Structure formats: structure tokens, C-alpha cells
Amino acid sequence: MPVVIKPSDLYYKYPRVKETREQPKFTGKPDPHPFDREDQYEVIPMFEAVMNELNSQDGEVLNRLEEILINEMPRFIYSREDVFDYLVSVMTEILEVRRWKRERV
């Protein structure tokens, strides 16, 4: 079942860029269009796609994705498909480390 994220699920508040609200958003690769990391209408579909790819509905994973997007993802990562790949890659590594630590305890 696909993940559906509501604005109230997000930890951070994102501006809503109403001028681009009706334009197509990220639905999967390939998508070379620029990604606006400060637009709620762009961020939510991206997080939904990443959470679906990770097969996760965990709120902690969503919050960590927000931190990565806001604080850690380099600004030169610009296209939607590159943002998707980056978030999936980084979050996959984080989840694998968490699993490894739990197995060692």
C-alpha cells in the first residue's frame, strides 16, 4: 500500500509555492526537472516516493529524511531524480547501520 503523507505529518513547515502547485510533481524516474526543496507541493511527493521505495511507513524515517534534505543534502543535487537517488541511498545506509547495531546487541 503506497505511503500517503499529509502536511501535518512533517516536522518542518514548508512554504507552499502556489504558482507551481498545479504543475506535475515527481512520480518516479526518469525526471530531470529541477526540485524545489522549499516547496511543500514538491517535498511531499518526493518523500512519499522515497518512503515507498524504502518500504517504510515509519515516522522516524520521514523525520530523518527531512533532516537530510534540509541540513545534509548538497545544493548541487538539483534534479528530482538525483534528489530521489540521494535520499534513498543515504536513508538505506542509515537503516542498514541501525539493523546491524540491533543485531549486535
PDB file of N, CA and C in Angstrom:
ATOM      1  N   MET A   1       0.844  -1.184   0.000  1.00  0.00           N
ATOM      2  CA  MET A   1       0.000   0.000   0.000  1.00  0.00           C
ATOM      3  C   MET A   1       0.888   1.245   0.000  1.00  0.00           C
ATOM      4  N   PRO A   2       0.670   2.156  -0.934  1.00  0.00           N
ATOM      5  CA  PRO A   2       1.517   3.344  -1.025  1.00  0.00           C
ATOM      6  C   PRO A   2       1.393   4.245   0.205  1.00  0.00           C
ATOM      7  N   VAL A   3       2.494   4.862   0.550  1.00  0.00           N
ATOM      8  CA  VAL A   3       2.537   5.807   1.661  1.00  0.00           C
ATOM      9  C   VAL A   3       1.886   7.111   1.216  1.00  0.00           C
ATOM     10  N   VAL A   4       1.066   7.681   2.079  1.00  0.00           N
ATOM     11  CA  VAL A   4       0.455   8.985   1.834  1.00  0.00           C
ATOM     12  C   VAL A   4       0.867   9.896   2.981  1.00  0.00           C
ATOM     13  N   ILE A   5       1.491  11.004   2.649  1.00  0.00           N
ATOM     14  CA  ILE A   5       1.974  11.945   3.654  1.00  0.00           C
ATOM     15  C   ILE A   5       1.129  13.203   3.602  1.00  0.00           C
ATOM     16  N   LYS A   6       0.684  13.620   4.777  1.00  0.00           N
ATOM     17  CA  LYS A   6      -0.065  14.873   4.900  1.00  0.00           C
ATOM     18  C   LYS A   6       0.882  15.947   5.439  1.00  0.00           C
ATOM     19  N   PRO A   7       0.594  17.208   5.188  1.00  0.00           N
ATOM     20  CA  PRO A   7       1.457  18.265   5.718  1.00  0.00           C
ATOM     21  C   PRO A   7       1.635  18.172   7.249  1.00  0.00           C
ATOM     22  N   SER A   8       0.617  17.710   7.947  1.00  0.00           N
ATOM     23  CA  SER A   8       0.713  17.594   9.406  1.00  0.00           C
ATOM     24  C   SER A   8       1.668  16.483   9.838  1.00  0.00           C
ATOM     25  N   ASP A   9       2.034  15.573   8.928  1.00  0.00           N
ATOM     26  CA  ASP A   9       2.991  14.505   9.238  1.00  0.00           C
ATOM     27  C   ASP A   9       4.424  15.019   9.263  1.00  0.00           C
ATOM     28  N   LEU A  10       4.651  16.152   8.644  1.00  0.00           N
ATOM     29  CA  LEU A  10       6.003  16.693   8.530  1.00  0.00           C
ATOM     30  C   LEU A  10       6.406  17.422   9.797  1.00  0.00           C
ATOM     31  N   TYR A  11       7.676  17.337  10.119  1.00  0.00           N
ATOM     32  CA  TYR A  11       8.202  18.021  11.295  1.00  0.00           C
ATOM     33  C   TYR A  11       8.403  19.501  11.009  1.00  0.00           C
ATOM     34  N   TYR A  12       8.910  19.789   9.813  1.00  0.00           N
ATOM     35  CA  TYR A  12       9.172  21.172   9.421  1.00  0.00           C
ATOM     36  C   TYR A  12       7.996  21.736   8.630  1.00  0.00           C
ATOM     37  N   LYS A  13       7.885  23.048   8.662  1.00  0.00           N
ATOM     38  CA  LYS A  13       6.884  23.745   7.852  1.00  0.00           C
ATOM     39  C   LYS A  13       7.555  24.209   6.568  1.00  0.00           C
ATOM     40  N   TYR A  14       6.927  23.931   5.455  1.00  0.00           N
ATOM     41  CA  TYR A  14       7.455  24.308   4.155  1.00  0.00           C
ATOM     42  C   TYR A  14       6.510  25.309   3.511  1.00  0.00           C
ATOM     43  N   PRO A  15       7.053  26.324   2.858  1.00  0.00           N
ATOM     44  CA  PRO A  15       6.189  27.255   2.132  1.00  0.00           C
ATOM     45  C   PRO A  15       5.454  26.521   1.012  1.00  0.00           C
ATOM     46  N   ARG A  16       4.315  27.039   0.656  1.00  0.00           N
ATOM     47  CA  ARG A  16       3.542  26.497  -0.462  1.00  0.00           C
ATOM     48  C   ARG A  16       3.670  27.466  -1.631  1.00  0.00           C
ATOM     49  N   VAL A  17       4.334  27.027  -2.671  1.00  0.00           N
ATOM     50  CA  VAL A  17       4.516  27.860  -3.856  1.00  0.00           C
ATOM     51  C   VAL A  17       3.301  27.637  -4.746  1.00  0.00           C
ATOM     52  N   LYS A  18       2.325  28.518  -4.591  1.00  0.00           N
ATOM     53  CA  LYS A  18       1.043  28.339  -5.268  1.00  0.00           C
ATOM     54  C   LYS A  18       1.138  28.486  -6.782  1.00  0.00           C
ATOM     55  N   GLU A  19       2.146  29.212  -7.265  1.00  0.00           N
ATOM     56  CA  GLU A  19       2.287  29.401  -8.705  1.00  0.00           C
ATOM     57  C   GLU A  19       2.590  28.080  -9.419  1.00  0.00           C
ATOM     58  N   THR A  20       3.236  27.164  -8.743  1.00  0.00           N
ATOM     59  CA  THR A  20       3.612  25.897  -9.376  1.00  0.00           C
ATOM     60  C   THR A  20       2.808  24.714  -8.835  1.00  0.00           C
ATOM     61  N   ARG A  21       1.818  24.981  -8.031  1.00  0.00           N
ATOM     62  CA  ARG A  21       1.045  23.916  -7.381  1.00  0.00           C
ATOM     63  C   ARG A  21       0.429  22.928  -8.368  1.00  0.00           C
ATOM     64  N   GLU A  22      -0.067  23.404  -9.479  1.00  0.00           N
ATOM     65  CA  GLU A  22      -0.761  22.549 -10.441  1.00  0.00           C
ATOM     66  C   GLU A  22       0.173  21.865 -11.439  1.00  0.00           C
ATOM     67  N   GLN A  23       1.443  22.190 -11.421  1.00  0.00           N
ATOM     68  CA  GLN A  23       2.387  21.556 -12.340  1.00  0.00           C
ATOM     69  C   GLN A  23       2.674  20.126 -11.885  1.00  0.00           C
ATOM     70  N   PRO A  24       3.018  19.252 -12.824  1.00  0.00           N
ATOM     71  CA  PRO A  24       3.310  17.858 -12.454  1.00  0.00           C
ATOM     72  C   PRO A  24       4.445  17.771 -11.441  1.00  0.00           C
ATOM     73  N   LYS A  25       4.306  16.846 -10.512  1.00  0.00           N
ATOM     74  CA  LYS A  25       5.306  16.627  -9.466  1.00  0.00           C
ATOM     75  C   LYS A  25       5.999  15.295  -9.703  1.00  0.00           C
ATOM     76  N   PHE A  26       6.952  14.968  -8.863  1.00  0.00           N
ATOM     77  CA  PHE A  26       7.729  13.745  -9.017  1.00  0.00           C
ATOM     78  C   PHE A  26       6.837  12.522  -8.850  1.00  0.00           C
ATOM     79  N   THR A  27       6.895  11.634  -9.838  1.00  0.00           N
ATOM     80  CA  THR A  27       6.157  10.376  -9.753  1.00  0.00           C
ATOM     81  C   THR A  27       7.072   9.182  -9.953  1.00  0.00           C
ATOM     82  N   GLY A  28       8.320   9.450 -10.275  1.00  0.00           N
ATOM     83  CA  GLY A  28       9.280   8.381 -10.480  1.00  0.00           C
ATOM     84  C   GLY A  28      10.305   8.784 -11.521  1.00  0.00           C
ATOM     85  N   LYS A  29      11.287   7.928 -11.666  1.00  0.00           N
ATOM     86  CA  LYS A  29      12.368   8.200 -12.611  1.00  0.00           C
ATOM     87  C   LYS A  29      11.989   7.707 -13.998  1.00  0.00           C
ATOM     88  N   PRO A  30      12.485   8.320 -15.031  1.00  0.00           N
ATOM     89  CA  PRO A  30      13.352   9.491 -15.044  1.00  0.00           C
ATOM     90  C   PRO A  30      12.555  10.787 -14.859  1.00  0.00           C
ATOM     91  N   ASP A  31      13.188  11.755 -14.234  1.00  0.00           N
ATOM     92  CA  ASP A  31      12.578  13.068 -14.047  1.00  0.00           C
ATOM     93  C   ASP A  31      13.694  14.095 -13.860  1.00  0.00           C
ATOM     94  N   PRO A  32      14.149  14.693 -14.948  1.00  0.00           N
ATOM     95  CA  PRO A  32      15.261  15.646 -14.870  1.00  0.00           C
ATOM     96  C   PRO A  32      14.854  17.059 -14.431  1.00  0.00           C
ATOM     97  N   HIS A  33      13.574  17.278 -14.148  1.00  0.00           N
ATOM     98  CA  HIS A  33      13.120  18.616 -13.755  1.00  0.00           C
ATOM     99  C   HIS A  33      13.775  19.048 -12.447  1.00  0.00           C
ATOM    100  N   PRO A  34      13.935  20.358 -12.263  1.00  0.00           N
ATOM    101  CA  PRO A  34      14.523  20.849 -11.016  1.00  0.00           C
ATOM    102  C   PRO A  34      13.605  20.574  -9.827  1.00  0.00           C
ATOM    103  N   PHE A  35      14.219  20.329  -8.679  1.00  0.00           N
ATOM    104  CA  PHE A  35      13.480  20.057  -7.443  1.00  0.00           C
ATOM    105  C   PHE A  35      13.579  21.275  -6.547  1.00  0.00           C
ATOM    106  N   ASP A  36      12.440  21.746  -6.041  1.00  0.00           N
ATOM    107  CA  ASP A  36      12.401  22.874  -5.112  1.00  0.00           C
ATOM    108  C   ASP A  36      12.248  22.325  -3.701  1.00  0.00           C
ATOM    109  N   ARG A  37      13.339  22.275  -2.979  1.00  0.00           N
ATOM    110  CA  ARG A  37      13.337  21.698  -1.630  1.00  0.00           C
ATOM    111  C   ARG A  37      12.632  22.579  -0.606  1.00  0.00           C
ATOM    112  N   GLU A  38      12.173  23.738  -1.035  1.00  0.00           N
ATOM    113  CA  GLU A  38      11.474  24.643  -0.125  1.00  0.00           C
ATOM    114  C   GLU A  38      10.013  24.829  -0.520  1.00  0.00           C
ATOM    115  N   ASP A  39       9.459  23.873  -1.214  1.00  0.00           N
ATOM    116  CA  ASP A  39       8.063  23.931  -1.652  1.00  0.00           C
ATOM    117  C   ASP A  39       7.338  22.676  -1.160  1.00  0.00           C
ATOM    118  N   GLN A  40       6.371  22.873  -0.310  1.00  0.00           N
ATOM    119  CA  GLN A  40       5.626  21.745   0.244  1.00  0.00           C
ATOM    120  C   GLN A  40       5.040  20.860  -0.851  1.00  0.00           C
ATOM    121  N   TYR A  41       4.598  21.479  -1.949  1.00  0.00           N
ATOM    122  CA  TYR A  41       3.990  20.712  -3.034  1.00  0.00           C
ATOM    123  C   TYR A  41       5.014  19.843  -3.778  1.00  0.00           C
ATOM    124  N   GLU A  42       6.288  20.144  -3.653  1.00  0.00           N
ATOM    125  CA  GLU A  42       7.356  19.323  -4.230  1.00  0.00           C
ATOM    126  C   GLU A  42       7.859  18.293  -3.221  1.00  0.00           C
ATOM    127  N   VAL A  43       7.976  18.716  -1.977  1.00  0.00           N
ATOM    128  CA  VAL A  43       8.587  17.884  -0.933  1.00  0.00           C
ATOM    129  C   VAL A  43       7.737  16.653  -0.617  1.00  0.00           C
ATOM    130  N   ILE A  44       6.449  16.828  -0.473  1.00  0.00           N
ATOM    131  CA  ILE A  44       5.590  15.701  -0.086  1.00  0.00           C
ATOM    132  C   ILE A  44       5.619  14.566  -1.113  1.00  0.00           C
ATOM    133  N   PRO A  45       5.436  14.825  -2.412  1.00  0.00           N
ATOM    134  CA  PRO A  45       5.517  13.705  -3.362  1.00  0.00           C
ATOM    135  C   PRO A  45       6.894  13.025  -3.358  1.00  0.00           C
ATOM    136  N   MET A  46       7.947  13.807  -3.133  1.00  0.00           N
ATOM    137  CA  MET A  46       9.286  13.217  -3.079  1.00  0.00           C
ATOM    138  C   MET A  46       9.413  12.295  -1.871  1.00  0.00           C
ATOM    139  N   PHE A  47       8.987  12.753  -0.721  1.00  0.00           N
ATOM    140  CA  PHE A  47       9.060  11.916   0.479  1.00  0.00           C
ATOM    141  C   PHE A  47       8.192  10.662   0.336  1.00  0.00           C
ATOM    142  N   GLU A  48       7.029  10.805  -0.269  1.00  0.00           N
ATOM    143  CA  GLU A  48       6.177   9.628  -0.496  1.00  0.00           C
ATOM    144  C   GLU A  48       6.894   8.605  -1.376  1.00  0.00           C
ATOM    145  N   ALA A  49       7.526   9.075  -2.438  1.00  0.00           N
ATOM    146  CA  ALA A  49       8.229   8.165  -3.349  1.00  0.00           C
ATOM    147  C   ALA A  49       9.402   7.483  -2.651  1.00  0.00           C
ATOM    148  N   VAL A  50      10.147   8.231  -1.843  1.00  0.00           N
ATOM    149  CA  VAL A  50      11.287   7.654  -1.131  1.00  0.00           C
ATOM    150  C   VAL A  50      10.803   6.652  -0.088  1.00  0.00           C
ATOM    151  N   MET A  51       9.782   6.997   0.661  1.00  0.00           N
ATOM    152  CA  MET A  51       9.251   6.083   1.686  1.00  0.00           C
ATOM    153  C   MET A  51       8.724   4.807   1.032  1.00  0.00           C
ATOM    154  N   ASN A  52       8.072   4.928  -0.108  1.00  0.00           N
ATOM    155  CA  ASN A  52       7.591   3.742  -0.831  1.00  0.00           C
ATOM    156  C   ASN A  52       8.764   2.891  -1.306  1.00  0.00           C
ATOM    157  N   GLU A  53       9.795   3.534  -1.819  1.00  0.00           N
ATOM    158  CA  GLU A  53      10.984   2.798  -2.273  1.00  0.00           C
ATOM    159  C   GLU A  53      11.645   2.054  -1.108  1.00  0.00           C
ATOM    160  N   LEU A  54      11.656   2.679   0.075  1.00  0.00           N
ATOM    161  CA  LEU A  54      12.246   2.067   1.259  1.00  0.00           C
ATOM    162  C   LEU A  54      11.298   1.070   1.924  1.00  0.00           C
ATOM    163  N   ASN A  55      10.067   1.036   1.435  1.00  0.00           N
ATOM    164  CA  ASN A  55       9.038   0.167   2.021  1.00  0.00           C
ATOM    165  C   ASN A  55       8.864   0.452   3.513  1.00  0.00           C
ATOM    166  N   SER A  56       8.724   1.737   3.828  1.00  0.00           N
ATOM    167  CA  SER A  56       8.628   2.165   5.223  1.00  0.00           C
ATOM    168  C   SER A  56       7.465   3.132   5.411  1.00  0.00           C
ATOM    169  N   GLN A  57       6.814   2.986   6.543  1.00  0.00           N
ATOM    170  CA  GLN A  57       5.781   3.936   6.950  1.00  0.00           C
ATOM    171  C   GLN A  57       6.135   4.547   8.299  1.00  0.00           C
ATOM    172  N   ASP A  58       7.386   4.420   8.693  1.00  0.00           N
ATOM    173  CA  ASP A  58       7.887   4.858   9.990  1.00  0.00           C
ATOM    174  C   ASP A  58       8.049   6.381  10.018  1.00  0.00           C
ATOM    175  N   GLY A  59       7.419   7.013  10.983  1.00  0.00           N
ATOM    176  CA  GLY A  59       7.518   8.462  11.139  1.00  0.00           C
ATOM    177  C   GLY A  59       8.935   8.925  11.422  1.00  0.00           C
ATOM    178  N   GLU A  60       9.732   8.109  12.107  1.00  0.00           N
ATOM    179  CA  GLU A  60      11.123   8.462  12.373  1.00  0.00           C
ATOM    180  C   GLU A  60      11.928   8.514  11.079  1.00  0.00           C
ATOM    181  N   VAL A  61      11.636   7.623  10.155  1.00  0.00           N
ATOM    182  CA  VAL A  61      12.310   7.634   8.859  1.00  0.00           C
ATOM    183  C   VAL A  61      11.942   8.919   8.118  1.00  0.00           C
ATOM    184  N   LEU A  62      10.687   9.290   8.152  1.00  0.00           N
ATOM    185  CA  LEU A  62      10.249  10.533   7.499  1.00  0.00           C
ATOM    186  C   LEU A  62      10.962  11.734   8.107  1.00  0.00           C
ATOM    187  N   ASN A  63      11.029  11.802   9.431  1.00  0.00           N
ATOM    188  CA  ASN A  63      11.706  12.923  10.082  1.00  0.00           C
ATOM    189  C   ASN A  63      13.187  12.968   9.721  1.00  0.00           C
ATOM    190  N   ARG A  64      13.818  11.811   9.629  1.00  0.00           N
ATOM    191  CA  ARG A  64      15.242  11.761   9.258  1.00  0.00           C
ATOM    192  C   ARG A  64      15.420  12.203   7.807  1.00  0.00           C
ATOM    193  N   LEU A  65      14.494  11.830   6.932  1.00  0.00           N
ATOM    194  CA  LEU A  65      14.556  12.288   5.542  1.00  0.00           C
ATOM    195  C   LEU A  65      14.489  13.809   5.463  1.00  0.00           C
ATOM    196  N   GLU A  66      13.642  14.394   6.297  1.00  0.00           N
ATOM    197  CA  GLU A  66      13.551  15.857   6.318  1.00  0.00           C
ATOM    198  C   GLU A  66      14.875  16.475   6.749  1.00  0.00           C
ATOM    199  N   GLU A  67      15.498  15.917   7.781  1.00  0.00           N
ATOM    200  CA  GLU A  67      16.787  16.437   8.244  1.00  0.00           C
ATOM    201  C   GLU A  67      17.843  16.330   7.150  1.00  0.00           C
ATOM    202  N   ILE A  68      17.856  15.205   6.460  1.00  0.00           N
ATOM    203  CA  ILE A  68      18.820  15.018   5.376  1.00  0.00           C
ATOM    204  C   ILE A  68      18.592  16.060   4.285  1.00  0.00           C
ATOM    205  N   LEU A  69      17.342  16.230   3.880  1.00  0.00           N
ATOM    206  CA  LEU A  69      17.009  17.179   2.819  1.00  0.00           C
ATOM    207  C   LEU A  69      17.400  18.596   3.209  1.00  0.00           C
ATOM    208  N   ILE A  70      17.087  18.995   4.421  1.00  0.00           N
ATOM    209  CA  ILE A  70      17.293  20.377   4.842  1.00  0.00           C
ATOM    210  C   ILE A  70      18.741  20.668   5.229  1.00  0.00           C
ATOM    211  N   ASN A  71      19.367  19.746   5.952  1.00  0.00           N
ATOM    212  CA  ASN A  71      20.666  20.042   6.548  1.00  0.00           C
ATOM    213  C   ASN A  71      21.862  19.370   5.892  1.00  0.00           C
ATOM    214  N   GLU A  72      21.649  18.272   5.176  1.00  0.00           N
ATOM    215  CA  GLU A  72      22.793  17.492   4.730  1.00  0.00           C
ATOM    216  C   GLU A  72      22.938  17.375   3.214  1.00  0.00           C
ATOM    217  N   MET A  73      21.859  17.422   2.493  1.00  0.00           N
ATOM    218  CA  MET A  73      21.944  17.209   1.047  1.00  0.00           C
ATOM    219  C   MET A  73      22.617  18.416   0.382  1.00  0.00           C
ATOM    220  N   PRO A  74      23.684  18.169  -0.388  1.00  0.00           N
ATOM    221  CA  PRO A  74      24.374  19.278  -1.062  1.00  0.00           C
ATOM    222  C   PRO A  74      23.450  20.020  -2.027  1.00  0.00           C
ATOM    223  N   ARG A  75      23.685  21.300  -2.158  1.00  0.00           N
ATOM    224  CA  ARG A  75      22.859  22.136  -3.039  1.00  0.00           C
ATOM    225  C   ARG A  75      23.053  21.817  -4.514  1.00  0.00           C
ATOM    226  N   PHE A  76      24.180  21.188  -4.868  1.00  0.00           N
ATOM    227  CA  PHE A  76      24.395  20.881  -6.277  1.00  0.00           C
ATOM    228  C   PHE A  76      23.529  19.715  -6.749  1.00  0.00           C
ATOM    229  N   ILE A  77      22.903  19.006  -5.812  1.00  0.00           N
ATOM    230  CA  ILE A  77      21.945  17.962  -6.199  1.00  0.00           C
ATOM    231  C   ILE A  77      20.651  18.689  -6.516  1.00  0.00           C
ATOM    232  N   TYR A  78      20.307  18.700  -7.786  1.00  0.00           N
ATOM    233  CA  TYR A  78      19.314  19.647  -8.270  1.00  0.00           C
ATOM    234  C   TYR A  78      18.083  18.999  -8.906  1.00  0.00           C
ATOM    235  N   SER A  79      18.277  17.946  -9.675  1.00  0.00           N
ATOM    236  CA  SER A  79      17.134  17.360 -10.382  1.00  0.00           C
ATOM    237  C   SER A  79      16.340  16.448  -9.446  1.00  0.00           C
ATOM    238  N   ARG A  80      15.083  16.260  -9.772  1.00  0.00           N
ATOM    239  CA  ARG A  80      14.224  15.410  -8.949  1.00  0.00           C
ATOM    240  C   ARG A  80      14.770  13.987  -8.847  1.00  0.00           C
ATOM    241  N   GLU A  81      15.234  13.445  -9.971  1.00  0.00           N
ATOM    242  CA  GLU A  81      15.728  12.064  -9.934  1.00  0.00           C
ATOM    243  C   GLU A  81      17.013  11.964  -9.104  1.00  0.00           C
ATOM    244  N   ASP A  82      17.854  12.985  -9.129  1.00  0.00           N
ATOM    245  CA  ASP A  82      19.065  12.962  -8.311  1.00  0.00           C
ATOM    246  C   ASP A  82      18.735  13.095  -6.826  1.00  0.00           C
ATOM    247  N   VAL A  83      17.751  13.933  -6.506  1.00  0.00           N
ATOM    248  CA  VAL A  83      17.307  14.061  -5.119  1.00  0.00           C
ATOM    249  C   VAL A  83      16.759  12.727  -4.627  1.00  0.00           C
ATOM    250  N   PHE A  84      15.928  12.093  -5.430  1.00  0.00           N
ATOM    251  CA  PHE A  84      15.366  10.784  -5.088  1.00  0.00           C
ATOM    252  C   PHE A  84      16.478   9.774  -4.833  1.00  0.00           C
ATOM    253  N   ASP A  85      17.421   9.670  -5.763  1.00  0.00           N
ATOM    254  CA  ASP A  85      18.525   8.720  -5.620  1.00  0.00           C
ATOM    255  C   ASP A  85      19.343   9.005  -4.359  1.00  0.00           C
ATOM    256  N   TYR A  86      19.621  10.267  -4.101  1.00  0.00           N
ATOM    257  CA  TYR A  86      20.406  10.643  -2.926  1.00  0.00           C
ATOM    258  C   TYR A  86      19.684  10.254  -1.635  1.00  0.00           C
ATOM    259  N   LEU A  87      18.407  10.628  -1.525  1.00  0.00           N
ATOM    260  CA  LEU A  87      17.662  10.330  -0.300  1.00  0.00           C
ATOM    261  C   LEU A  87      17.525   8.827  -0.072  1.00  0.00           C
ATOM    262  N   VAL A  88      17.245   8.079  -1.118  1.00  0.00           N
ATOM    263  CA  VAL A  88      17.128   6.618  -0.985  1.00  0.00           C
ATOM    264  C   VAL A  88      18.463   6.023  -0.554  1.00  0.00           C
ATOM    265  N   SER A  89      19.531   6.455  -1.175  1.00  0.00           N
ATOM    266  CA  SER A  89      20.854   5.915  -0.881  1.00  0.00           C
ATOM    267  C   SER A  89      21.266   6.193   0.567  1.00  0.00           C
ATOM    268  N   VAL A  90      21.150   7.442   0.981  1.00  0.00           N
ATOM    269  CA  VAL A  90      21.563   7.812   2.338  1.00  0.00           C
ATOM    270  C   VAL A  90      20.687   7.123   3.371  1.00  0.00           C
ATOM    271  N   MET A  91      19.388   7.112   3.156  1.00  0.00           N
ATOM    272  CA  MET A  91      18.488   6.504   4.141  1.00  0.00           C
ATOM    273  C   MET A  91      18.665   4.990   4.187  1.00  0.00           C
ATOM    274  N   THR A  92      18.954   4.357   3.074  1.00  0.00           N
ATOM    275  CA  THR A  92      19.211   2.916   3.062  1.00  0.00           C
ATOM    276  C   THR A  92      20.426   2.600   3.925  1.00  0.00           C
ATOM    277  N   GLU A  93      21.474   3.389   3.786  1.00  0.00           N
ATOM    278  CA  GLU A  93      22.667   3.185   4.617  1.00  0.00           C
ATOM    279  C   GLU A  93      22.353   3.358   6.095  1.00  0.00           C
ATOM    280  N   ILE A  94      21.605   4.375   6.438  1.00  0.00           N
ATOM    281  CA  ILE A  94      21.244   4.624   7.836  1.00  0.00           C
ATOM    282  C   ILE A  94      20.447   3.450   8.393  1.00  0.00           C
ATOM    283  N   LEU A  95      19.478   2.973   7.621  1.00  0.00           N
ATOM    284  CA  LEU A  95      18.655   1.857   8.090  1.00  0.00           C
ATOM    285  C   LEU A  95      19.474   0.575   8.237  1.00  0.00           C
ATOM    286  N   GLU A  96      20.428   0.353   7.338  1.00  0.00           N
ATOM    287  CA  GLU A  96      21.282  -0.832   7.448  1.00  0.00           C
ATOM    288  C   GLU A  96      22.159  -0.763   8.687  1.00  0.00           C
ATOM    289  N   VAL A  97      22.697   0.398   8.998  1.00  0.00           N
ATOM    290  CA  VAL A  97      23.509   0.562  10.211  1.00  0.00           C
ATOM    291  C   VAL A  97      22.654   0.318  11.446  1.00  0.00           C
ATOM    292  N   ARG A  98      21.442   0.832  11.454  1.00  0.00           N
ATOM    293  CA  ARG A  98      20.542   0.603  12.600  1.00  0.00           C
ATOM    294  C   ARG A  98      20.267  -0.889  12.787  1.00  0.00           C
ATOM    295  N   ARG A  99      19.985  -1.590  11.686  1.00  0.00           N
ATOM    296  CA  ARG A  99      19.740  -3.041  11.760  1.00  0.00           C
ATOM    297  C   ARG A  99      20.964  -3.775  12.280  1.00  0.00           C
ATOM    298  N   TRP A 100      22.123  -3.407  11.787  1.00  0.00           N
ATOM    299  CA  TRP A 100      23.373  -4.049  12.200  1.00  0.00           C
ATOM    300  C   TRP A 100      23.613  -3.835  13.693  1.00  0.00           C
ATOM    301  N   LYS A 101      23.364  -2.632  14.175  1.00  0.00           N
ATOM    302  CA  LYS A 101      23.549  -2.351  15.608  1.00  0.00           C
ATOM    303  C   LYS A 101      22.576  -3.156  16.460  1.00  0.00           C
ATOM    304  N   ARG A 102      21.326  -3.274  16.010  1.00  0.00           N
ATOM    305  CA  ARG A 102      20.342  -4.042  16.775  1.00  0.00           C
ATOM    306  C   ARG A 102      20.724  -5.523  16.827  1.00  0.00           C
ATOM    307  N   GLU A 103      21.257  -6.047  15.740  1.00  0.00           N
ATOM    308  CA  GLU A 103      21.647  -7.456  15.696  1.00  0.00           C
ATOM    309  C   GLU A 103      22.848  -7.737  16.587  1.00  0.00           C
ATOM    310  N   ARG A 104      23.686  -6.747  16.795  1.00  0.00           N
ATOM    311  CA  ARG A 104      24.885  -6.941  17.599  1.00  0.00           C
ATOM    312  C   ARG A 104      24.597  -6.876  19.097  1.00  0.00           C
ATOM    313  N   VAL A 105      23.478  -6.325  19.471  1.00  0.00           N
ATOM    314  CA  VAL A 105      23.152  -6.183  20.903  1.00  0.00           C
ATOM    315  C   VAL A 105      22.577  -7.456  21.455  1.00  0.00           C
TER     316      VAL A 105
END
